[in-house]
Protein backbone atom coordinates (compact mmCIF):
# COMPACT_ATOMS: atom_id res chain seq x y z
CA MET A 1 107.42 83.72 118.47
CA THR A 2 107.49 86.99 120.43
CA VAL A 3 109.59 89.90 119.13
CA SER A 4 110.70 92.37 121.77
CA GLN A 5 110.04 96.10 121.48
CA LYS A 6 113.80 96.67 121.37
CA GLU A 7 114.22 94.35 118.40
CA MET A 8 111.23 95.89 116.63
CA GLY A 9 112.82 99.29 117.17
CA LYS A 10 115.98 98.15 115.38
CA ILE A 11 113.94 96.85 112.45
CA TYR A 12 111.94 100.06 112.27
CA GLU A 13 115.10 102.17 112.11
CA GLN A 14 116.29 100.08 109.15
CA VAL A 15 113.14 100.21 107.06
CA ARG A 16 111.50 103.52 107.97
CA THR A 17 111.14 106.24 105.35
CA PRO A 18 111.98 109.51 107.12
CA TYR A 19 111.50 111.71 104.07
CA LYS A 20 108.22 112.07 102.18
CA PHE A 21 109.13 113.60 98.85
CA GLY A 22 105.73 113.32 97.19
CA LEU A 23 104.96 112.36 93.60
CA VAL A 24 108.06 111.63 91.52
CA VAL A 25 106.20 110.61 88.35
CA ALA A 26 102.84 112.22 87.63
CA PRO A 27 100.44 112.13 84.68
CA GLU A 28 100.42 115.16 82.43
CA SER A 29 96.70 115.70 83.01
CA ASN A 30 93.67 114.25 84.79
CA ASP A 31 92.93 112.30 81.61
CA ARG A 32 95.74 109.92 82.52
CA LYS A 33 96.20 107.61 85.51
CA ILE A 34 99.49 105.91 86.38
CA ASP A 35 100.11 103.04 88.77
CA CYS A 36 102.14 99.93 89.64
CA PRO A 37 105.80 101.06 89.64
CA THR A 38 108.55 98.45 89.35
CA VAL A 39 112.06 99.76 90.09
CA PHE A 40 115.40 98.18 89.17
CA ARG A 41 119.00 99.30 88.74
CA GLU A 42 121.43 99.06 85.83
CA GLY A 43 124.90 100.59 86.12
CA ASN A 44 124.72 103.85 88.03
CA SER A 45 121.10 104.60 87.12
CA TRP A 46 117.67 103.53 88.33
CA TYR A 47 114.84 102.55 86.03
CA MET A 48 111.12 102.33 86.66
CA THR A 49 108.36 100.69 84.67
CA TYR A 50 104.83 101.83 85.35
CA VAL A 51 101.41 101.38 83.77
CA CYS A 52 99.36 104.23 82.33
CA TYR A 53 95.59 104.25 81.82
CA ASN A 54 94.48 106.86 79.29
CA GLY A 55 91.13 107.77 80.79
CA SER A 56 89.66 110.09 83.41
CA ASN A 57 87.20 107.46 84.64
CA GLY A 58 86.78 103.71 84.43
CA THR A 59 85.05 103.56 81.06
CA ASN A 60 86.24 106.41 78.82
CA GLY A 61 89.84 105.20 78.36
CA ARG A 62 91.22 102.54 76.07
CA GLY A 63 93.27 100.67 78.68
CA TYR A 64 96.76 100.08 80.05
CA GLU A 65 100.13 100.60 78.40
CA THR A 66 103.52 100.13 80.09
CA TRP A 67 106.14 102.90 80.21
CA LEU A 68 109.81 103.20 81.20
CA ALA A 69 111.49 106.04 83.14
CA LYS A 70 115.08 106.73 84.30
CA SER A 71 116.59 108.43 87.38
CA ASP A 72 120.01 109.01 88.91
CA ASP A 73 118.72 109.64 92.43
CA LEU A 74 115.26 107.99 92.67
CA LEU A 75 113.67 111.43 93.08
CA HIS A 76 113.93 113.03 89.65
CA TRP A 77 112.68 110.88 86.78
CA GLU A 78 112.82 111.20 83.01
CA THR A 79 110.19 109.30 81.03
CA LEU A 80 111.88 107.39 78.20
CA GLY A 81 108.86 105.96 76.41
CA ARG A 82 106.64 102.91 76.08
CA ILE A 83 107.66 99.25 76.22
CA LEU A 84 104.21 97.60 75.96
CA VAL A 85 102.02 99.40 73.43
CA TYR A 86 98.40 99.02 72.31
CA GLY A 87 97.93 96.63 69.40
CA ASP A 88 95.82 96.71 66.26
CA LYS A 89 94.41 93.24 66.92
CA GLY A 90 94.77 90.27 69.21
CA TRP A 91 93.75 89.08 72.66
CA ASP A 92 95.69 91.93 74.37
CA MET A 93 95.13 94.78 71.93
CA ASN A 94 93.71 97.19 74.55
CA GLN A 95 95.29 96.14 77.84
CA ARG A 96 99.05 95.73 78.38
CA GLY A 97 100.01 96.45 81.99
CA GLY A 98 103.44 94.94 82.66
CA PHE A 99 105.53 93.89 85.67
CA PRO A 100 109.21 93.00 84.98
CA ALA A 101 110.46 89.76 86.52
CA LEU A 102 113.72 88.41 87.96
CA ILE A 103 114.78 91.55 89.84
CA ASP A 104 117.14 91.12 92.80
CA TYR A 105 115.05 92.50 95.65
CA ASP A 106 117.10 90.99 98.47
CA TRP A 107 117.67 93.43 101.34
CA GLY A 108 120.97 95.09 100.48
CA GLY A 109 121.06 93.42 97.05
CA ASN A 110 122.06 95.05 93.79
CA TYR A 111 118.48 95.51 92.49
CA ASN A 112 119.58 94.42 89.00
CA ILE A 113 117.17 92.84 86.57
CA GLN A 114 118.39 89.42 85.47
CA LYS A 115 118.19 87.51 82.20
CA PHE A 116 116.85 84.03 81.58
CA LYS A 117 117.88 82.33 78.35
CA ASP A 118 119.53 85.58 77.23
CA ARG A 119 116.31 87.61 77.48
CA TYR A 120 114.60 89.91 79.98
CA TRP A 121 111.07 88.92 80.96
CA MET A 122 107.86 90.42 82.30
CA THR A 123 104.33 89.23 82.89
CA TYR A 124 101.45 91.56 82.12
CA ILE A 125 97.70 91.77 82.51
CA GLY A 126 96.22 91.87 79.04
CA GLY A 127 92.85 91.93 77.35
CA GLU A 128 90.86 93.12 74.36
CA GLY A 129 88.24 94.97 76.40
CA THR A 130 88.53 98.72 76.77
CA GLY A 131 88.33 100.72 79.99
CA TYR A 132 89.96 100.30 83.37
CA GLU A 133 91.22 96.74 83.86
CA ALA A 134 88.34 94.26 83.67
CA VAL A 135 85.46 96.77 83.67
CA ASN A 136 84.24 95.69 80.20
CA ALA A 137 85.88 92.31 79.64
CA PRO A 138 87.90 89.77 81.64
CA LEU A 139 91.69 89.89 81.70
CA SER A 140 94.34 87.24 81.18
CA ILE A 141 98.05 87.02 82.00
CA GLY A 142 100.55 87.44 79.17
CA LEU A 143 104.32 87.05 78.90
CA ALA A 144 106.67 89.55 77.23
CA SER A 145 110.43 89.46 76.70
CA THR A 146 113.26 91.29 74.99
CA ALA A 147 116.81 90.55 73.97
CA GLY A 148 117.43 94.28 73.62
CA ASP A 149 118.77 96.93 75.95
CA VAL A 150 116.56 96.95 79.03
CA THR A 151 117.50 100.59 79.72
CA THR A 152 115.99 101.92 76.48
CA ALA A 153 112.32 102.30 75.61
CA HIS A 154 111.45 99.86 72.82
CA PRO A 155 108.55 97.46 72.21
CA TRP A 156 109.01 94.14 74.00
CA ASP A 157 108.05 90.94 72.19
CA THR A 158 104.72 89.37 73.13
CA TYR A 159 102.90 86.19 72.17
CA ASP A 160 99.73 85.43 70.25
CA ALA A 161 98.06 83.87 73.30
CA PRO A 162 98.16 84.45 77.08
CA ILE A 163 99.96 82.06 79.39
CA LEU A 164 97.05 82.09 81.88
CA SER A 165 93.52 82.80 80.70
CA TYR A 166 90.01 82.89 82.09
CA LYS A 167 89.20 80.58 79.16
CA ASP A 168 91.57 77.85 80.38
CA LYS A 169 89.98 74.48 81.03
CA ASN A 170 90.68 74.62 84.76
CA ALA A 171 89.83 78.31 85.21
CA GLN A 172 87.43 79.07 88.06
CA TRP A 173 84.15 80.96 87.70
CA TRP A 174 85.41 84.17 89.36
CA GLU A 175 88.11 84.54 86.70
CA TYR A 176 85.40 85.50 84.23
CA MET A 177 84.70 88.63 86.25
CA THR A 178 87.86 90.06 87.71
CA GLN A 179 91.62 89.83 88.05
CA TYR A 180 93.74 89.68 91.15
CA LYS A 181 97.37 90.18 92.11
CA SER A 182 99.43 88.10 94.46
CA THR A 183 102.92 87.98 95.91
CA VAL A 184 104.47 84.57 95.30
CA TYR A 185 107.47 83.36 97.26
CA LYS A 186 109.03 80.80 94.96
CA ASN A 187 111.98 79.82 92.83
CA VAL A 188 111.23 81.41 89.46
CA LEU A 189 113.07 78.69 87.56
CA SER A 190 111.38 75.68 89.16
CA ASN A 191 107.95 77.15 90.01
CA ARG A 192 108.37 75.91 93.56
CA ALA A 193 106.77 77.84 96.42
CA THR A 194 108.66 78.35 99.66
CA LYS A 195 106.00 80.08 101.75
CA VAL A 196 102.57 81.68 101.63
CA VAL A 197 101.23 84.62 103.61
CA ASP A 198 97.45 84.94 103.98
CA ARG A 199 95.29 87.58 105.62
CA PHE A 200 91.78 86.75 106.81
CA THR A 201 89.29 89.28 108.20
CA LEU A 202 86.04 88.24 109.85
CA ALA A 203 83.98 90.98 108.20
CA HIS A 204 80.47 90.05 109.36
CA VAL A 205 78.69 87.81 111.83
CA GLY A 206 74.96 87.37 111.26
CA GLY A 207 73.93 84.27 113.17
CA THR A 208 73.77 83.58 116.87
CA LEU A 209 75.71 80.31 116.97
CA PRO A 210 79.42 80.54 117.80
CA CYS A 211 81.45 79.26 114.87
CA GLY A 212 85.10 78.57 114.27
CA PHE A 213 87.01 79.02 111.01
CA GLY A 214 89.87 77.12 109.45
CA TYR A 215 91.20 75.67 106.24
CA GLN A 216 92.92 72.57 104.94
CA PHE A 217 95.71 72.16 102.38
CA ASP A 218 94.11 69.31 100.46
CA LYS A 219 97.06 68.73 98.14
CA LEU A 220 99.86 68.72 100.72
CA ASP A 221 101.11 66.24 103.28
CA LYS A 222 101.76 67.44 106.81
CA ALA A 223 105.48 66.82 106.29
CA ALA A 224 105.51 69.67 103.74
CA ILE A 225 104.79 72.25 106.47
CA GLY A 226 107.86 73.64 108.17
CA SER A 227 106.19 76.24 110.37
CA VAL A 228 102.91 78.15 110.74
CA GLU A 229 102.61 81.49 112.49
CA VAL A 230 99.17 82.98 113.18
CA ILE A 231 99.02 86.61 114.30
CA SER A 232 95.76 88.33 115.19
CA ASP A 233 95.16 92.01 115.77
CA LYS A 234 92.75 90.99 118.52
CA THR A 235 94.23 89.88 121.83
CA GLY A 236 93.46 86.30 122.76
CA ALA A 237 91.93 85.38 119.41
CA THR A 238 93.23 81.82 119.18
CA SER A 239 91.75 78.37 118.70
CA SER A 240 91.61 75.73 121.40
CA PHE A 241 91.26 73.10 118.66
CA MET A 242 94.90 73.72 117.73
CA GLN A 243 96.02 72.62 121.23
CA GLY A 244 99.00 74.95 120.99
CA GLN A 245 100.35 73.19 117.89
CA MET A 246 101.22 74.75 114.51
CA LEU A 247 98.77 72.32 112.81
CA GLU A 248 95.56 70.86 114.20
CA PRO A 249 96.29 67.46 115.78
CA ASN A 250 94.73 64.19 114.60
CA GLN A 251 94.46 65.28 110.95
CA SER A 252 96.11 63.49 108.02
CA LYS A 253 96.25 66.75 106.03
CA PRO A 254 97.56 70.13 107.21
CA ASN A 255 94.76 72.07 108.94
CA VAL A 256 94.93 75.52 110.52
CA ILE A 257 92.09 76.81 112.73
CA LEU A 258 92.15 80.56 113.27
CA PHE A 259 89.48 80.99 115.92
CA ASP A 260 86.72 79.11 117.73
CA ASN A 261 84.13 81.80 118.36
CA SER A 262 82.95 84.11 115.59
CA ARG A 263 80.85 86.08 118.06
CA THR A 264 83.93 87.42 119.84
CA ASN A 265 86.13 87.90 116.75
CA GLU A 266 84.02 90.01 114.40
CA GLY A 267 86.29 92.53 112.68
CA ALA A 268 89.50 90.73 113.66
CA THR A 269 92.24 90.24 111.04
CA PHE A 270 94.46 87.17 111.09
CA THR A 271 97.79 87.00 109.27
CA VAL A 272 99.01 83.46 108.66
CA THR A 273 102.57 82.80 107.47
CA THR A 274 103.16 79.23 106.33
CA GLN A 275 106.77 78.28 105.67
CA PHE A 276 107.21 75.04 103.77
CA ALA A 277 109.70 72.42 104.90
CA TYR A 278 110.85 72.10 101.29
CA PRO A 279 109.88 73.86 98.04
CA VAL A 280 106.48 72.66 96.84
CA VAL A 281 104.84 72.96 93.43
CA GLY A 282 103.12 76.35 93.34
CA ASP A 283 99.87 74.94 91.91
CA LEU A 284 99.39 72.87 95.08
CA VAL A 285 98.96 75.93 97.32
CA GLN A 286 96.59 78.16 95.41
CA PRO A 287 93.97 79.89 97.60
CA PRO A 288 91.26 79.68 98.74
CA TYR A 289 92.51 76.19 99.73
CA ASN A 290 89.68 74.22 101.41
CA PRO A 291 88.09 76.69 103.88
CA TYR A 292 85.37 75.75 106.33
CA ILE A 293 83.53 76.83 109.44
CA VAL A 294 82.90 74.74 112.53
CA ILE A 295 79.25 75.28 113.48
CA SER A 296 78.34 75.43 117.19
CA SER A 297 82.01 75.16 118.04
CA ASP A 298 81.16 75.43 121.74
CA LYS A 299 79.54 71.99 121.46
CA GLY A 300 82.33 70.21 119.61
CA ARG A 301 84.57 70.08 116.58
CA GLY A 302 82.68 67.78 114.20
CA ARG A 303 80.02 69.96 112.53
CA GLU A 304 81.90 71.35 109.52
CA LEU A 305 80.56 73.42 106.63
CA HIS A 306 82.66 73.73 103.45
CA LEU A 307 82.29 75.25 100.01
CA ALA A 308 80.24 73.11 97.62
CA LYS A 309 82.01 69.78 96.99
CA GLY A 310 84.74 70.67 99.47
CA VAL A 311 86.20 67.57 101.13
CA PRO A 312 85.51 67.26 104.89
CA THR A 313 88.48 66.94 107.19
CA ASP A 314 89.25 63.82 109.23
CA LEU A 315 87.55 65.38 112.26
CA ALA A 316 84.23 66.09 110.52
CA ASP A 317 81.28 64.10 111.90
CA ALA A 318 79.67 62.19 109.00
CA ALA A 319 76.45 61.88 111.03
CA TYR A 320 75.55 65.41 109.91
CA PHE A 321 75.51 64.47 106.21
CA GLY A 322 72.07 64.05 104.67
CA GLN A 323 70.24 66.05 107.30
CA SER A 324 67.54 68.54 106.33
CA SER A 325 68.15 69.74 102.74
CA ASP A 326 71.73 68.42 102.53
CA ILE A 327 72.33 65.69 99.92
CA SER A 328 75.97 64.92 100.76
CA ASP A 329 76.89 61.38 99.76
CA PRO A 330 80.38 60.23 100.80
CA ALA A 331 80.08 57.18 98.53
CA GLN A 332 79.80 59.55 95.56
CA LYS A 333 82.32 61.99 97.01
CA LEU A 334 79.60 64.65 96.97
CA TYR A 335 79.63 67.05 99.90
CA TYR A 336 77.92 70.22 101.09
CA VAL A 337 75.30 70.62 98.35
CA SER A 338 71.59 71.15 98.98
CA LYS A 339 68.73 69.33 97.28
CA ASP A 340 68.13 72.34 94.99
CA ASN A 341 71.82 72.21 93.99
CA PHE A 342 72.63 75.31 96.04
CA PRO A 343 75.87 75.60 98.03
CA PHE A 344 75.87 76.19 101.77
CA ALA A 345 78.94 78.44 101.52
CA ILE A 346 80.16 80.72 98.71
CA ASN A 347 83.53 82.19 97.79
CA ILE A 348 82.78 85.71 96.49
CA PRO A 349 85.52 87.73 94.72
CA THR A 350 84.77 91.02 96.48
CA ASP A 351 84.52 92.50 99.94
CA ALA A 352 81.79 94.91 98.79
CA PHE A 353 78.97 92.47 99.51
CA SER A 354 75.62 93.25 101.12
CA TYR A 355 75.03 90.42 103.57
CA PRO A 356 71.49 88.98 103.70
CA ASP A 357 69.76 88.91 107.04
CA GLU A 358 69.99 85.70 109.02
CA LYS A 359 67.52 83.00 107.76
CA VAL A 360 66.88 84.89 104.48
CA ARG A 361 67.61 82.57 101.55
CA ILE A 362 70.33 83.71 99.18
CA ASP A 363 68.01 83.44 96.15
CA LYS A 364 65.58 85.80 97.87
CA ALA A 365 68.29 88.31 98.72
CA TYR A 366 69.88 87.98 95.27
CA PRO A 367 67.32 87.02 92.60
CA SER A 368 70.01 86.35 89.94
CA PHE A 369 71.72 83.71 92.07
CA PRO A 370 69.65 80.71 90.80
CA GLY A 371 70.58 81.52 87.19
CA TRP A 372 74.26 81.53 88.10
CA VAL A 373 73.91 78.16 89.88
CA SER A 374 71.88 76.43 87.15
CA SER A 375 74.37 77.53 84.46
CA ASN A 376 77.37 76.32 86.49
CA GLY A 377 78.67 79.85 86.77
CA VAL A 378 78.48 80.76 83.09
CA LEU A 379 75.48 83.11 83.31
CA GLN A 380 74.60 85.86 85.82
CA ARG A 381 78.25 86.09 86.83
CA ASP A 382 77.63 89.40 88.58
CA TRP A 383 74.70 88.12 90.65
CA TYR A 384 76.35 89.29 93.90
CA LYS A 385 76.23 92.88 92.65
CA LYS A 386 72.43 92.86 92.23
CA PRO A 387 70.63 92.47 95.57
CA ALA A 388 66.85 92.45 95.69
CA LYS A 389 65.20 95.80 96.09
CA LYS A 390 63.84 96.39 99.57
């Protein structure tokens, strides 16, 4: 869909912020850091929750607490006090950074915070490790609520255990190291997602072969996809494999290919908006989905490379399995693993990664990598931060 400059001008006039007032809530000294405002309205007043870290650097503070402030004009704020406070014990004793839920953020809405089962709710990042976020220990997601007056500062009720934890049975390896934030478009009562918006940036190209990139929604049927819009900041960066369709043809599962040639798209950013035809269970559309590259895309579509144990798409050529050091065995549903149990592709939870030179093995560039692999991700979890000395 093409939006005219005239229409974009109308939208800009609606959403632009002509006045830059500056800081409206500031820490009392450099020994405090504040972040993550959430604003809502009750009656004729505005209220803001925000998190406060009581340190001047990442390691000398205890952690997050959550505060409440009030304003009549959105410019002048009075801090009322804390609503999530450090504890004396427990899984979240040192980290309690909260984000109130169920606020009416519709354009032109009333911006009120709503109740569910006669209580106000918020999720929060919590942990027992001190310092800034997950610098000393992993974080989990907790749930807090109150039946009290949401416009007054008072301790909200919390629970003895998180609702989502890095210790959960189905937690992934990266959750031991970091935490991430996401915007979810879903019905909060049914946990049904209505759309997802993803941004992909081709940060580095090391090899000489042209490669394409795409991903598959393994847990969805094609009928679940209402529309897909791919926008690139690089003119002409599209995929011929898509044949002008919103999903790649001749696939039983939804597949989206962003580009065919990595050599001409280095540095490009792709924004993909997927609108579902009907609300789907949120757990079915958790990134990173099933990403893959198409190797030597100028010679065909069939040579796919996925994350370890990622399922090939219908258009993958099975003749490539078992070649060289690959031990893929479709009969065992084992794909994209080498004979030394190494993956051919890795999902790394950071963009601050020093890429090895082409044809340099990952265990040579990062000596701690084999220990991470052999322990199934339990040990050497920060291997990607420790490149070999040159």
